[in-house]
Amino acid sequence: MAEKMEHSALTEAVYYILLSLYKPMHGYGIMQNIKELSNGRVSLGAGTMYGAINTLLEKGWIHPVAVTEEKSRKKEYQITEVGKEIIKLELLRLNELIKNGDDIAGG
């Protein structure tokens, strides 16, 4: 059974994978998108990415989508509604961190 809203801080890799999957994408596309989103700062290896994909599938945060090209071996994935809720929770957490940091250490 998929985990619903069990959530703690997301790793940067998981955060970027979920953001990437707001539109269907295959593994290599996810890795390229993450590199682009992070301006080259984050580069995921295949092992890290596919390990995270398997975990996200188990949690029900993403799901596989049917590939339209016949004979394509590429698996595509997309974020679920639960995954979108997780992103919203993470954005709230990150905004709180920024606000508190600005309040205390900002200028």
Protein backbone atom coordinates (compact mmCIF):
# COMPACT_ATOMS: atom_id res chain seq x y z
CA MET A 1 0.00 0.00 0.00
CA ALA A 2 1.36 3.44 -0.92
CA GLU A 3 2.39 5.76 1.88
CA LYS A 4 0.27 8.85 1.81
CA MET A 5 1.55 11.88 3.65
CA GLU A 6 4.44 10.50 5.69
CA HIS A 7 6.98 13.21 5.11
CA SER A 8 10.21 14.58 6.42
CA ALA A 9 12.69 16.88 4.69
CA LEU A 10 13.30 15.82 1.12
CA THR A 11 16.78 15.26 -0.19
CA GLU A 12 17.77 17.62 -2.95
CA ALA A 13 17.78 14.71 -5.41
CA VAL A 14 14.21 13.67 -4.52
CA TYR A 15 13.02 17.29 -4.60
CA TYR A 16 14.40 17.81 -8.10
CA ILE A 17 13.11 14.45 -9.34
CA LEU A 18 9.59 15.31 -8.17
CA LEU A 19 9.77 18.76 -9.77
CA SER A 20 10.99 17.22 -13.01
CA LEU A 21 8.06 14.84 -13.11
CA TYR A 22 5.33 17.45 -13.31
CA LYS A 23 5.44 16.34 -16.94
CA PRO A 24 6.14 12.75 -17.98
CA MET A 25 9.83 12.02 -18.35
CA HIS A 26 12.23 9.09 -18.62
CA GLY A 27 15.34 8.58 -16.51
CA TYR A 28 17.90 10.26 -18.75
CA GLY A 29 15.53 13.19 -19.27
CA ILE A 30 15.16 13.55 -15.50
CA MET A 31 18.94 13.66 -15.03
CA GLN A 32 19.29 16.29 -17.77
CA ASN A 33 16.40 18.36 -16.39
CA ILE A 34 17.88 18.35 -12.89
CA LYS A 35 21.22 19.53 -14.24
CA GLU A 36 19.42 22.35 -16.07
CA LEU A 37 17.18 23.34 -13.14
CA SER A 38 20.19 23.53 -10.79
CA ASN A 39 22.38 25.37 -13.30
CA GLY A 40 24.74 22.39 -13.39
CA ARG A 41 25.22 22.27 -9.61
CA VAL A 42 23.34 18.97 -9.12
CA SER A 43 24.29 16.00 -11.25
CA LEU A 44 22.66 12.67 -10.40
CA GLY A 45 24.24 9.37 -11.26
CA ALA A 46 22.03 6.64 -12.69
CA GLY A 47 22.25 4.51 -9.53
CA THR A 48 21.17 7.36 -7.26
CA MET A 49 18.38 8.40 -9.59
CA TYR A 50 16.93 4.93 -10.15
CA GLY A 51 17.18 4.11 -6.44
CA ALA A 52 15.18 7.27 -5.71
CA ILE A 53 12.69 6.44 -8.50
CA ASN A 54 12.03 3.01 -6.94
CA THR A 55 11.48 4.58 -3.51
CA LEU A 56 9.14 7.21 -4.96
CA LEU A 57 7.16 4.52 -6.78
CA GLU A 58 6.81 2.53 -3.53
CA LYS A 59 5.60 5.62 -1.67
CA GLY A 60 3.08 6.42 -4.40
CA TRP A 61 4.60 9.85 -5.05
CA ILE A 62 5.18 9.04 -8.72
CA HIS A 63 3.76 6.47 -11.13
CA PRO A 64 4.85 4.99 -14.45
CA VAL A 65 3.09 6.25 -17.56
CA ALA A 66 2.50 4.40 -20.79
CA VAL A 67 5.05 5.27 -23.44
CA THR A 68 3.38 6.19 -26.71
CA GLU A 69 6.23 5.15 -29.00
CA GLU A 70 5.94 1.53 -30.01
CA LYS A 71 9.03 -0.57 -29.26
CA SER A 72 10.41 2.09 -26.88
CA ARG A 73 12.29 0.61 -23.94
CA LYS A 74 12.29 3.88 -22.03
CA LYS A 75 10.10 3.97 -18.95
CA GLU A 76 8.46 7.30 -18.25
CA TYR A 77 7.23 8.52 -14.89
CA GLN A 78 5.00 11.33 -13.63
CA ILE A 79 4.27 12.85 -10.24
CA THR A 80 1.02 11.81 -8.51
CA GLU A 81 -1.37 14.03 -6.55
CA VAL A 82 0.25 12.73 -3.35
CA GLY A 83 3.65 13.71 -4.74
CA LYS A 84 2.34 17.20 -5.49
CA GLU A 85 1.16 17.50 -1.88
CA ILE A 86 4.63 16.45 -0.72
CA ILE A 87 6.17 19.21 -2.87
CA LYS A 88 3.75 21.76 -1.34
CA LEU A 89 4.71 20.64 2.17
CA GLU A 90 8.39 20.87 1.29
CA LEU A 91 7.94 24.39 -0.09
CA LEU A 92 6.26 25.44 3.16
CA ARG A 93 9.16 23.93 5.14
CA LEU A 94 11.79 25.62 2.97
CA ASN A 95 10.01 28.99 3.13
CA GLU A 96 9.92 28.72 6.93
CA LEU A 97 13.66 28.04 6.96
CA ILE A 98 14.34 31.07 4.77
CA LYS A 99 12.07 33.34 6.82
CA ASN A 100 13.67 32.30 10.09
CA GLY A 101 17.15 32.66 8.63
CA ASP A 102 16.34 36.11 7.28
CA ASP A 103 14.78 37.15 10.59
CA ILE A 104 17.78 36.07 12.62
CA ALA A 105 20.83 36.29 10.39
CA GLY A 106 19.59 38.40 7.47
CA GLY A 107 20.12 42.04 7.25
